[in-house]
Amino acid sequence: MGIGINTGDVVVGNIGSSRRTKYAVVGGNVNLTGRIESYTLGGQILASQGTIDACGPVLRIDGQLEIIPKGVKAPITVYEVGGIDSGYKISVPPRIDRPLLELPPPRCNRI
């Protein structure tokens, strides 16, 4: 599981009518968050520049990646969050790079 984090204005609340309503979060920043998450690998946390700016120096940044998410005209930089300090002192466990395994060819039984 990977996590994408973005900071910005959104619309939050009950959407619908009195007969059918649901609580939702909508807006361009919600969509961008989902797009950022789609670039993550297992156990990875990627955050937008806005989130990094809002958090300040408490975050440990382990790397950065330039991406062009769907619906965004120019490339954006996202940052890999490796931990948080400020009294919490928690971090993401280090990723173990394992070699890819070659899969056997599929067995098809045609009738």
PDB file of N, CA and C in Angstrom:
ATOM      1  N   MET A   1       0.841  -1.175   0.000  1.00  0.00           N
ATOM      2  CA  MET A   1       0.000   0.000   0.000  1.00  0.00           C
ATOM      3  C   MET A   1       0.882   1.233   0.000  1.00  0.00           C
ATOM      4  N   GLY A   2       0.564   2.195  -0.814  1.00  0.00           N
ATOM      5  CA  GLY A   2       1.257   3.468  -0.827  1.00  0.00           C
ATOM      6  C   GLY A   2       0.305   4.575  -0.415  1.00  0.00           C
ATOM      7  N   ILE A   3       0.866   5.711  -0.010  1.00  0.00           N
ATOM      8  CA  ILE A   3       0.059   6.833   0.461  1.00  0.00           C
ATOM      9  C   ILE A   3       0.463   8.087  -0.300  1.00  0.00           C
ATOM     10  N   GLY A   4      -0.529   8.814  -0.811  1.00  0.00           N
ATOM     11  CA  GLY A   4      -0.318  10.109  -1.443  1.00  0.00           C
ATOM     12  C   GLY A   4      -0.921  11.189  -0.568  1.00  0.00           C
ATOM     13  N   ILE A   5      -0.171  12.279  -0.381  1.00  0.00           N
ATOM     14  CA  ILE A   5      -0.645  13.381   0.469  1.00  0.00           C
ATOM     15  C   ILE A   5      -0.542  14.683  -0.312  1.00  0.00           C
ATOM     16  N   ASN A   6      -1.600  15.479  -0.260  1.00  0.00           N
ATOM     17  CA  ASN A   6      -1.622  16.783  -0.913  1.00  0.00           C
ATOM     18  C   ASN A   6      -2.341  17.754   0.014  1.00  0.00           C
ATOM     19  N   THR A   7      -2.005  19.013  -0.076  1.00  0.00           N
ATOM     20  CA  THR A   7      -2.622  20.035   0.757  1.00  0.00           C
ATOM     21  C   THR A   7      -3.270  21.083  -0.142  1.00  0.00           C
ATOM     22  N   GLY A   8      -4.516  21.435   0.137  1.00  0.00           N
ATOM     23  CA  GLY A   8      -5.205  22.453  -0.647  1.00  0.00           C
ATOM     24  C   GLY A   8      -6.672  22.517  -0.271  1.00  0.00           C
ATOM     25  N   ASP A   9      -7.360  23.436  -0.900  1.00  0.00           N
ATOM     26  CA  ASP A   9      -8.782  23.640  -0.630  1.00  0.00           C
ATOM     27  C   ASP A   9      -9.620  22.557  -1.295  1.00  0.00           C
ATOM     28  N   VAL A  10     -10.642  22.089  -0.579  1.00  0.00           N
ATOM     29  CA  VAL A  10     -11.576  21.087  -1.083  1.00  0.00           C
ATOM     30  C   VAL A  10     -12.981  21.434  -0.603  1.00  0.00           C
ATOM     31  N   VAL A  11     -13.960  20.777  -1.170  1.00  0.00           N
ATOM     32  CA  VAL A  11     -15.341  20.893  -0.708  1.00  0.00           C
ATOM     33  C   VAL A  11     -15.665  19.622   0.057  1.00  0.00           C
ATOM     34  N   VAL A  12     -16.131  19.781   1.299  1.00  0.00           N
ATOM     35  CA  VAL A  12     -16.416  18.640   2.161  1.00  0.00           C
ATOM     36  C   VAL A  12     -17.840  18.775   2.692  1.00  0.00           C
ATOM     37  N   GLY A  13     -18.576  17.683   2.677  1.00  0.00           N
ATOM     38  CA  GLY A  13     -19.902  17.729   3.269  1.00  0.00           C
ATOM     39  C   GLY A  13     -20.851  16.734   2.659  1.00  0.00           C
ATOM     40  N   ASN A  14     -22.117  16.873   3.040  1.00  0.00           N
ATOM     41  CA  ASN A  14     -23.165  16.016   2.512  1.00  0.00           C
ATOM     42  C   ASN A  14     -23.527  16.482   1.113  1.00  0.00           C
ATOM     43  N   ILE A  15     -23.503  15.565   0.172  1.00  0.00           N
ATOM     44  CA  ILE A  15     -23.810  15.885  -1.217  1.00  0.00           C
ATOM     45  C   ILE A  15     -24.994  15.038  -1.626  1.00  0.00           C
ATOM     46  N   GLY A  16     -25.952  15.645  -2.311  1.00  0.00           N
ATOM     47  CA  GLY A  16     -27.125  14.913  -2.772  1.00  0.00           C
ATOM     48  C   GLY A  16     -28.396  15.613  -2.370  1.00  0.00           C
ATOM     49  N   SER A  17     -29.418  14.821  -2.162  1.00  0.00           N
ATOM     50  CA  SER A  17     -30.728  15.367  -1.802  1.00  0.00           C
ATOM     51  C   SER A  17     -31.163  14.772  -0.470  1.00  0.00           C
ATOM     52  N   SER A  18     -32.349  15.167  -0.028  1.00  0.00           N
ATOM     53  CA  SER A  18     -32.865  14.630   1.234  1.00  0.00           C
ATOM     54  C   SER A  18     -33.194  13.142   1.119  1.00  0.00           C
ATOM     55  N   ARG A  19     -33.427  12.667  -0.082  1.00  0.00           N
ATOM     56  CA  ARG A  19     -33.738  11.249  -0.291  1.00  0.00           C
ATOM     57  C   ARG A  19     -32.484  10.391  -0.382  1.00  0.00           C
ATOM     58  N   ARG A  20     -31.439  10.953  -0.951  1.00  0.00           N
ATOM     59  CA  ARG A  20     -30.194  10.193  -1.107  1.00  0.00           C
ATOM     60  C   ARG A  20     -29.026  11.143  -0.927  1.00  0.00           C
ATOM     61  N   THR A  21     -28.289  10.938   0.131  1.00  0.00           N
ATOM     62  CA  THR A  21     -27.173  11.814   0.422  1.00  0.00           C
ATOM     63  C   THR A  21     -25.937  10.989   0.783  1.00  0.00           C
ATOM     64  N   LYS A  22     -24.787  11.564   0.542  1.00  0.00           N
ATOM     65  CA  LYS A  22     -23.558  10.911   0.971  1.00  0.00           C
ATOM     66  C   LYS A  22     -22.574  11.982   1.390  1.00  0.00           C
ATOM     67  N   TYR A  23     -21.725  11.636   2.311  1.00  0.00           N
ATOM     68  CA  TYR A  23     -20.686  12.533   2.787  1.00  0.00           C
ATOM     69  C   TYR A  23     -19.484  12.339   1.883  1.00  0.00           C
ATOM     70  N   ALA A  24     -18.953  13.414   1.309  1.00  0.00           N
ATOM     71  CA  ALA A  24     -17.864  13.264   0.351  1.00  0.00           C
ATOM     72  C   ALA A  24     -16.908  14.451   0.415  1.00  0.00           C
ATOM     73  N   VAL A  25     -15.755  14.237  -0.181  1.00  0.00           N
ATOM     74  CA  VAL A  25     -14.743  15.276  -0.358  1.00  0.00           C
ATOM     75  C   VAL A  25     -14.493  15.367  -1.855  1.00  0.00           C
ATOM     76  N   VAL A  26     -14.630  16.551  -2.434  1.00  0.00           N
ATOM     77  CA  VAL A  26     -14.458  16.715  -3.877  1.00  0.00           C
ATOM     78  C   VAL A  26     -13.591  17.939  -4.164  1.00  0.00           C
ATOM     79  N   GLY A  27     -13.045  17.963  -5.359  1.00  0.00           N
ATOM     80  CA  GLY A  27     -12.270  19.112  -5.814  1.00  0.00           C
ATOM     81  C   GLY A  27     -10.986  18.692  -6.494  1.00  0.00           C
ATOM     82  N   GLY A  28     -10.352  19.651  -7.127  1.00  0.00           N
ATOM     83  CA  GLY A  28      -9.118  19.391  -7.844  1.00  0.00           C
ATOM     84  C   GLY A  28      -8.007  18.851  -6.970  1.00  0.00           C
ATOM     85  N   ASN A  29      -7.937  19.307  -5.719  1.00  0.00           N
ATOM     86  CA  ASN A  29      -6.886  18.818  -4.822  1.00  0.00           C
ATOM     87  C   ASN A  29      -7.116  17.373  -4.398  1.00  0.00           C
ATOM     88  N   VAL A  30      -8.366  16.956  -4.336  1.00  0.00           N
ATOM     89  CA  VAL A  30      -8.675  15.547  -4.048  1.00  0.00           C
ATOM     90  C   VAL A  30      -8.194  14.690  -5.208  1.00  0.00           C
ATOM     91  N   ASN A  31      -8.476  15.138  -6.422  1.00  0.00           N
ATOM     92  CA  ASN A  31      -8.051  14.398  -7.606  1.00  0.00           C
ATOM     93  C   ASN A  31      -6.533  14.312  -7.680  1.00  0.00           C
ATOM     94  N   LEU A  32      -5.840  15.425  -7.407  1.00  0.00           N
ATOM     95  CA  LEU A  32      -4.379  15.419  -7.454  1.00  0.00           C
ATOM     96  C   LEU A  32      -3.807  14.462  -6.413  1.00  0.00           C
ATOM     97  N   THR A  33      -4.419  14.390  -5.251  1.00  0.00           N
ATOM     98  CA  THR A  33      -3.956  13.458  -4.218  1.00  0.00           C
ATOM     99  C   THR A  33      -4.024  12.020  -4.721  1.00  0.00           C
ATOM    100  N   GLY A  34      -5.101  11.668  -5.360  1.00  0.00           N
ATOM    101  CA  GLY A  34      -5.236  10.325  -5.927  1.00  0.00           C
ATOM    102  C   GLY A  34      -4.209  10.060  -7.012  1.00  0.00           C
ATOM    103  N   ARG A  35      -3.931  11.067  -7.820  1.00  0.00           N
ATOM    104  CA  ARG A  35      -2.921  10.913  -8.872  1.00  0.00           C
ATOM    105  C   ARG A  35      -1.531  10.716  -8.263  1.00  0.00           C
ATOM    106  N   ILE A  36      -1.220  11.461  -7.207  1.00  0.00           N
ATOM    107  CA  ILE A  36       0.073  11.303  -6.525  1.00  0.00           C
ATOM    108  C   ILE A  36       0.179   9.891  -5.955  1.00  0.00           C
ATOM    109  N   GLU A  37      -0.898   9.413  -5.335  1.00  0.00           N
ATOM    110  CA  GLU A  37      -0.891   8.068  -4.746  1.00  0.00           C
ATOM    111  C   GLU A  37      -0.628   7.005  -5.810  1.00  0.00           C
ATOM    112  N   SER A  38      -1.077   7.234  -7.021  1.00  0.00           N
ATOM    113  CA  SER A  38      -0.896   6.231  -8.076  1.00  0.00           C
ATOM    114  C   SER A  38       0.576   6.039  -8.451  1.00  0.00           C
ATOM    115  N   TYR A  39       1.434   6.942  -8.065  1.00  0.00           N
ATOM    116  CA  TYR A  39       2.869   6.817  -8.337  1.00  0.00           C
ATOM    117  C   TYR A  39       3.628   6.115  -7.212  1.00  0.00           C
ATOM    118  N   THR A  40       2.969   5.780  -6.120  1.00  0.00           N
ATOM    119  CA  THR A  40       3.663   5.168  -4.986  1.00  0.00           C
ATOM    120  C   THR A  40       3.933   3.696  -5.205  1.00  0.00           C
ATOM    121  N   LEU A  41       4.956   3.229  -4.519  1.00  0.00           N
ATOM    122  CA  LEU A  41       5.255   1.801  -4.439  1.00  0.00           C
ATOM    123  C   LEU A  41       4.844   1.343  -3.048  1.00  0.00           C
ATOM    124  N   GLY A  42       4.821   0.061  -2.802  1.00  0.00           N
ATOM    125  CA  GLY A  42       4.398  -0.461  -1.501  1.00  0.00           C
ATOM    126  C   GLY A  42       5.173   0.143  -0.341  1.00  0.00           C
ATOM    127  N   GLY A  43       4.463   0.678   0.622  1.00  0.00           N
ATOM    128  CA  GLY A  43       5.082   1.247   1.813  1.00  0.00           C
ATOM    129  C   GLY A  43       5.625   2.647   1.630  1.00  0.00           C
ATOM    130  N   GLN A  44       5.410   3.238   0.487  1.00  0.00           N
ATOM    131  CA  GLN A  44       5.970   4.562   0.191  1.00  0.00           C
ATOM    132  C   GLN A  44       4.940   5.651   0.466  1.00  0.00           C
ATOM    133  N   ILE A  45       5.419   6.805   0.932  1.00  0.00           N
ATOM    134  CA  ILE A  45       4.571   7.975   1.146  1.00  0.00           C
ATOM    135  C   ILE A  45       5.115   9.090   0.262  1.00  0.00           C
ATOM    136  N   LEU A  46       4.287   9.582  -0.664  1.00  0.00           N
ATOM    137  CA  LEU A  46       4.663  10.704  -1.510  1.00  0.00           C
ATOM    138  C   LEU A  46       3.799  11.907  -1.158  1.00  0.00           C
ATOM    139  N   ALA A  47       4.435  13.078  -1.042  1.00  0.00           N
ATOM    140  CA  ALA A  47       3.722  14.296  -0.661  1.00  0.00           C
ATOM    141  C   ALA A  47       4.015  15.412  -1.658  1.00  0.00           C
ATOM    142  N   SER A  48       3.028  16.264  -1.870  1.00  0.00           N
ATOM    143  CA  SER A  48       3.177  17.401  -2.776  1.00  0.00           C
ATOM    144  C   SER A  48       3.993  18.513  -2.119  1.00  0.00           C
ATOM    145  N   GLN A  49       4.420  19.464  -2.947  1.00  0.00           N
ATOM    146  CA  GLN A  49       5.178  20.614  -2.443  1.00  0.00           C
ATOM    147  C   GLN A  49       4.357  21.391  -1.412  1.00  0.00           C
ATOM    148  N   GLY A  50       3.047  21.537  -1.657  1.00  0.00           N
ATOM    149  CA  GLY A  50       2.193  22.255  -0.709  1.00  0.00           C
ATOM    150  C   GLY A  50       2.186  21.616   0.667  1.00  0.00           C
ATOM    151  N   THR A  51       2.180  20.304   0.718  1.00  0.00           N
ATOM    152  CA  THR A  51       2.207  19.590   1.998  1.00  0.00           C
ATOM    153  C   THR A  51       3.560  19.766   2.685  1.00  0.00           C
ATOM    154  N   ILE A  52       4.639  19.664   1.914  1.00  0.00           N
ATOM    155  CA  ILE A  52       5.977  19.838   2.475  1.00  0.00           C
ATOM    156  C   ILE A  52       6.107  21.235   3.071  1.00  0.00           C
ATOM    157  N   ASP A  53       5.616  22.251   2.355  1.00  0.00           N
ATOM    158  CA  ASP A  53       5.675  23.630   2.841  1.00  0.00           C
ATOM    159  C   ASP A  53       4.841  23.806   4.113  1.00  0.00           C
ATOM    160  N   ALA A  54       3.647  23.191   4.150  1.00  0.00           N
ATOM    161  CA  ALA A  54       2.766  23.326   5.311  1.00  0.00           C
ATOM    162  C   ALA A  54       3.335  22.647   6.558  1.00  0.00           C
ATOM    163  N   CYS A  55       4.058  21.544   6.375  1.00  0.00           N
ATOM    164  CA  CYS A  55       4.604  20.794   7.515  1.00  0.00           C
ATOM    165  C   CYS A  55       5.897  21.396   8.047  1.00  0.00           C
ATOM    166  N   GLY A  56       6.656  22.030   7.182  1.00  0.00           N
ATOM    167  CA  GLY A  56       7.926  22.613   7.616  1.00  0.00           C
ATOM    168  C   GLY A  56       9.010  21.571   7.793  1.00  0.00           C
ATOM    169  N   PRO A  57       9.999  21.883   8.619  1.00  0.00           N
ATOM    170  CA  PRO A  57      11.190  21.027   8.724  1.00  0.00           C
ATOM    171  C   PRO A  57      11.013  19.756   9.551  1.00  0.00           C
ATOM    172  N   VAL A  58       9.808  19.451  10.021  1.00  0.00           N
ATOM    173  CA  VAL A  58       9.639  18.252  10.850  1.00  0.00           C
ATOM    174  C   VAL A  58       9.687  16.964  10.039  1.00  0.00           C
ATOM    175  N   LEU A  59       9.498  17.058   8.719  1.00  0.00           N
ATOM    176  CA  LEU A  59       9.500  15.866   7.883  1.00  0.00           C
ATOM    177  C   LEU A  59      10.914  15.507   7.445  1.00  0.00           C
ATOM    178  N   ARG A  60      11.187  14.208   7.398  1.00  0.00           N
ATOM    179  CA  ARG A  60      12.435  13.729   6.803  1.00  0.00           C
ATOM    180  C   ARG A  60      12.114  13.341   5.369  1.00  0.00           C
ATOM    181  N   ILE A  61      12.769  13.987   4.428  1.00  0.00           N
ATOM    182  CA  ILE A  61      12.544  13.720   3.012  1.00  0.00           C
ATOM    183  C   ILE A  61      13.655  12.806   2.517  1.00  0.00           C
ATOM    184  N   ASP A  62      13.274  11.658   1.949  1.00  0.00           N
ATOM    185  CA  ASP A  62      14.247  10.668   1.481  1.00  0.00           C
ATOM    186  C   ASP A  62      14.525  10.756  -0.011  1.00  0.00           C
ATOM    187  N   GLY A  63      13.736  11.502  -0.738  1.00  0.00           N
ATOM    188  CA  GLY A  63      13.957  11.618  -2.172  1.00  0.00           C
ATOM    189  C   GLY A  63      12.862  12.436  -2.809  1.00  0.00           C
ATOM    190  N   GLN A  64      13.002  12.665  -4.100  1.00  0.00           N
ATOM    191  CA  GLN A  64      11.983  13.400  -4.833  1.00  0.00           C
ATOM    192  C   GLN A  64      11.838  12.820  -6.228  1.00  0.00           C
ATOM    193  N   LEU A  65      10.695  13.099  -6.822  1.00  0.00           N
ATOM    194  CA  LEU A  65      10.351  12.533  -8.116  1.00  0.00           C
ATOM    195  C   LEU A  65       9.547  13.574  -8.878  1.00  0.00           C
ATOM    196  N   GLU A  66       9.879  13.782 -10.146  1.00  0.00           N
ATOM    197  CA  GLU A  66       9.090  14.688 -10.971  1.00  0.00           C
ATOM    198  C   GLU A  66       8.086  13.853 -11.750  1.00  0.00           C
ATOM    199  N   ILE A  67       6.807  14.237 -11.652  1.00  0.00           N
ATOM    200  CA  ILE A  67       5.746  13.480 -12.300  1.00  0.00           C
ATOM    201  C   ILE A  67       4.865  14.420 -13.115  1.00  0.00           C
ATOM    202  N   ILE A  68       4.150  13.852 -14.053  1.00  0.00           N
ATOM    203  CA  ILE A  68       3.150  14.607 -14.811  1.00  0.00           C
ATOM    204  C   ILE A  68       1.824  13.860 -14.663  1.00  0.00           C
ATOM    205  N   PRO A  69       1.077  14.154 -13.594  1.00  0.00           N
ATOM    206  CA  PRO A  69      -0.195  13.444 -13.388  1.00  0.00           C
ATOM    207  C   PRO A  69      -1.232  13.839 -14.434  1.00  0.00           C
ATOM    208  N   LYS A  70      -2.169  12.961 -14.666  1.00  0.00           N
ATOM    209  CA  LYS A  70      -3.277  13.233 -15.580  1.00  0.00           C
ATOM    210  C   LYS A  70      -4.014  14.486 -15.104  1.00  0.00           C
ATOM    211  N   GLY A  71      -4.328  15.365 -16.031  1.00  0.00           N
ATOM    212  CA  GLY A  71      -5.071  16.571 -15.699  1.00  0.00           C
ATOM    213  C   GLY A  71      -4.203  17.733 -15.242  1.00  0.00           C
ATOM    214  N   VAL A  72      -2.887  17.540 -15.188  1.00  0.00           N
ATOM    215  CA  VAL A  72      -1.973  18.606 -14.778  1.00  0.00           C
ATOM    216  C   VAL A  72      -1.114  18.957 -15.986  1.00  0.00           C
ATOM    217  N   LYS A  73      -1.019  20.245 -16.316  1.00  0.00           N
ATOM    218  CA  LYS A  73      -0.341  20.653 -17.544  1.00  0.00           C
ATOM    219  C   LYS A  73       1.175  20.610 -17.447  1.00  0.00           C
ATOM    220  N   ALA A  74       1.727  20.952 -16.301  1.00  0.00           N
ATOM    221  CA  ALA A  74       3.185  21.006 -16.148  1.00  0.00           C
ATOM    222  C   ALA A  74       3.635  19.957 -15.141  1.00  0.00           C
ATOM    223  N   PRO A  75       4.871  19.489 -15.245  1.00  0.00           N
ATOM    224  CA  PRO A  75       5.376  18.515 -14.267  1.00  0.00           C
ATOM    225  C   PRO A  75       5.365  19.103 -12.847  1.00  0.00           C
ATOM    226  N   ILE A  76       5.137  18.235 -11.869  1.00  0.00           N
ATOM    227  CA  ILE A  76       5.221  18.650 -10.460  1.00  0.00           C
ATOM    228  C   ILE A  76       6.232  17.747  -9.764  1.00  0.00           C
ATOM    229  N   THR A  77       6.797  18.258  -8.698  1.00  0.00           N
ATOM    230  CA  THR A  77       7.733  17.477  -7.904  1.00  0.00           C
ATOM    231  C   THR A  77       7.011  16.950  -6.675  1.00  0.00           C
ATOM    232  N   VAL A  78       7.129  15.659  -6.431  1.00  0.00           N
ATOM    233  CA  VAL A  78       6.606  15.056  -5.207  1.00  0.00           C
ATOM    234  C   VAL A  78       7.792  14.536  -4.403  1.00  0.00           C
ATOM    235  N   TYR A  79       7.616  14.461  -3.106  1.00  0.00           N
ATOM    236  CA  TYR A  79       8.706  14.116  -2.201  1.00  0.00           C
ATOM    237  C   TYR A  79       8.374  12.850  -1.437  1.00  0.00           C
ATOM    238  N   GLU A  80       9.371  11.982  -1.279  1.00  0.00           N
ATOM    239  CA  GLU A  80       9.183  10.758  -0.516  1.00  0.00           C
ATOM    240  C   GLU A  80       9.417  11.066   0.960  1.00  0.00           C
ATOM    241  N   VAL A  81       8.374  10.911   1.751  1.00  0.00           N
ATOM    242  CA  VAL A  81       8.458  11.180   3.188  1.00  0.00           C
ATOM    243  C   VAL A  81       8.966   9.910   3.871  1.00  0.00           C
ATOM    244  N   GLY A  82      10.066  10.058   4.604  1.00  0.00           N
ATOM    245  CA  GLY A  82      10.659   8.911   5.279  1.00  0.00           C
ATOM    246  C   GLY A  82      10.402   8.895   6.768  1.00  0.00           C
ATOM    247  N   GLY A  83       9.978  10.033   7.323  1.00  0.00           N
ATOM    248  CA  GLY A  83       9.729  10.075   8.755  1.00  0.00           C
ATOM    249  C   GLY A  83       9.277  11.452   9.190  1.00  0.00           C
ATOM    250  N   ILE A  84       8.920  11.553  10.474  1.00  0.00           N
ATOM    251  CA  ILE A  84       8.504  12.816  11.073  1.00  0.00           C
ATOM    252  C   ILE A  84       9.151  12.916  12.444  1.00  0.00           C
ATOM    253  N   ASP A  85       9.665  14.100  12.739  1.00  0.00           N
ATOM    254  CA  ASP A  85      10.349  14.315  14.016  1.00  0.00           C
ATOM    255  C   ASP A  85       9.406  15.051  14.965  1.00  0.00           C
ATOM    256  N   SER A  86       9.746  16.219  15.411  1.00  0.00           N
ATOM    257  CA  SER A  86       8.912  17.070  16.251  1.00  0.00           C
ATOM    258  C   SER A  86       8.309  16.333  17.447  1.00  0.00           C
ATOM    259  N   GLY A  87       9.117  15.520  18.111  1.00  0.00           N
ATOM    260  CA  GLY A  87       8.655  14.803  19.279  1.00  0.00           C
ATOM    261  C   GLY A  87       8.075  13.428  18.987  1.00  0.00           C
ATOM    262  N   TYR A  88       7.634  13.204  17.762  1.00  0.00           N
ATOM    263  CA  TYR A  88       7.056  11.908  17.404  1.00  0.00           C
ATOM    264  C   TYR A  88       8.130  10.886  17.089  1.00  0.00           C
ATOM    265  N   LYS A  89       9.142  11.304  16.348  1.00  0.00           N
ATOM    266  CA  LYS A  89      10.265  10.449  15.983  1.00  0.00           C
ATOM    267  C   LYS A  89       9.809   9.090  15.448  1.00  0.00           C
ATOM    268  N   ILE A  90       8.975   9.132  14.414  1.00  0.00           N
ATOM    269  CA  ILE A  90       8.540   7.896  13.764  1.00  0.00           C
ATOM    270  C   ILE A  90       9.007   7.912  12.313  1.00  0.00           C
ATOM    271  N   SER A  91       9.229   6.734  11.770  1.00  0.00           N
ATOM    272  CA  SER A  91       9.694   6.673  10.390  1.00  0.00           C
ATOM    273  C   SER A  91       9.113   5.458   9.685  1.00  0.00           C
ATOM    274  N   VAL A  92       9.161   5.530   8.378  1.00  0.00           N
ATOM    275  CA  VAL A  92       8.715   4.430   7.537  1.00  0.00           C
ATOM    276  C   VAL A  92       9.832   3.387   7.535  1.00  0.00           C
ATOM    277  N   PRO A  93       9.505   2.111   7.710  1.00  0.00           N
ATOM    278  CA  PRO A  93      10.551   1.089   7.652  1.00  0.00           C
ATOM    279  C   PRO A  93      11.262   1.145   6.303  1.00  0.00           C
ATOM    280  N   PRO A  94      12.572   0.881   6.298  1.00  0.00           N
ATOM    281  CA  PRO A  94      13.291   0.916   5.017  1.00  0.00           C
ATOM    282  C   PRO A  94      12.739  -0.119   4.051  1.00  0.00           C
ATOM    283  N   ARG A  95      12.706   0.272   2.784  1.00  0.00           N
ATOM    284  CA  ARG A  95      12.229  -0.632   1.750  1.00  0.00           C
ATOM    285  C   ARG A  95      13.301  -1.665   1.434  1.00  0.00           C
ATOM    286  N   ILE A  96      12.882  -2.879   1.252  1.00  0.00           N
ATOM    287  CA  ILE A  96      13.806  -3.948   0.880  1.00  0.00           C
ATOM    288  C   ILE A  96      13.641  -4.164  -0.616  1.00  0.00           C
ATOM    289  N   ASP A  97      14.696  -3.863  -1.352  1.00  0.00           N
ATOM    290  CA  ASP A  97      14.642  -4.091  -2.786  1.00  0.00           C
ATOM    291  C   ASP A  97      14.914  -5.560  -3.064  1.00  0.00           C
ATOM    292  N   ARG A  98      13.913  -6.231  -3.543  1.00  0.00           N
ATOM    293  CA  ARG A  98      14.032  -7.653  -3.861  1.00  0.00           C
ATOM    294  C   ARG A  98      14.092  -7.808  -5.371  1.00  0.00           C
ATOM    295  N   PRO A  99      14.854  -8.779  -5.836  1.00  0.00           N
ATOM    296  CA  PRO A  99      14.890  -8.989  -7.292  1.00  0.00           C
ATOM    297  C   PRO A  99      13.530  -9.474  -7.787  1.00  0.00           C
ATOM    298  N   LEU A 100      13.205  -9.085  -9.009  1.00  0.00           N
ATOM    299  CA  LEU A 100      11.953  -9.537  -9.599  1.00  0.00           C
ATOM    300  C   LEU A 100      12.069 -11.010  -9.965  1.00  0.00           C
ATOM    301  N   LEU A 101      11.006 -11.735  -9.730  1.00  0.00           N
ATOM    302  CA  LEU A 101      10.983 -13.152 -10.069  1.00  0.00           C
ATOM    303  C   LEU A 101      10.349 -13.326 -11.438  1.00  0.00           C
ATOM    304  N   GLU A 102      10.935 -14.215 -12.222  1.00  0.00           N
ATOM    305  CA  GLU A 102      10.367 -14.497 -13.525  1.00  0.00           C
ATOM    306  C   GLU A 102       9.199 -15.462 -13.350  1.00  0.00           C
ATOM    307  N   LEU A 103       8.066 -15.100 -13.913  1.00  0.00           N
ATOM    308  CA  LEU A 103       6.877 -15.937 -13.803  1.00  0.00           C
ATOM    309  C   LEU A 103       6.898 -16.994 -14.887  1.00  0.00           C
ATOM    310  N   PRO A 104       6.396 -18.186 -14.567  1.00  0.00           N
ATOM    311  CA  PRO A 104       6.325 -19.216 -15.606  1.00  0.00           C
ATOM    312  C   PRO A 104       5.278 -18.823 -16.643  1.00  0.00           C
ATOM    313  N   PRO A 105       5.413 -19.333 -17.859  1.00  0.00           N
ATOM    314  CA  PRO A 105       4.401 -19.007 -18.874  1.00  0.00           C
ATOM    315  C   PRO A 105       3.040 -19.554 -18.460  1.00  0.00           C
ATOM    316  N   PRO A 106       1.976 -18.895 -18.872  1.00  0.00           N
ATOM    317  CA  PRO A 106       0.637 -19.364 -18.492  1.00  0.00           C
ATOM    318  C   PRO A 106       0.341 -20.713 -19.138  1.00  0.00           C
ATOM    319  N   ARG A 107      -0.404 -21.509 -18.407  1.00  0.00           N
ATOM    320  CA  ARG A 107      -0.834 -22.803 -18.938  1.00  0.00           C
ATOM    321  C   ARG A 107      -2.270 -22.646 -19.421  1.00  0.00           C
ATOM    322  N   CYS A 108      -2.474 -22.816 -20.676  1.00  0.00           N
ATOM    323  CA  CYS A 108      -3.811 -22.682 -21.245  1.00  0.00           C
ATOM    324  C   CYS A 108      -4.317 -24.041 -21.684  1.00  0.00           C
ATOM    325  N   ASN A 109      -5.486 -24.370 -21.251  1.00  0.00           N
ATOM    326  CA  ASN A 109      -6.148 -25.601 -21.683  1.00  0.00           C
ATOM    327  C   ASN A 109      -7.275 -25.216 -22.606  1.00  0.00           C
ATOM    328  N   ARG A 110      -7.040 -25.402 -23.865  1.00  0.00           N
ATOM    329  CA  ARG A 110      -8.065 -25.045 -24.840  1.00  0.00           C
ATOM    330  C   ARG A 110      -8.978 -26.238 -25.089  1.00  0.00           C
ATOM    331  N   ILE A 111     -10.238 -25.940 -25.212  1.00  0.00           N
ATOM    332  CA  ILE A 111     -11.228 -26.994 -25.430  1.00  0.00           C
ATOM    333  C   ILE A 111     -11.699 -26.930 -26.858  1.00  0.00           C
TER     334      ILE A 111
END
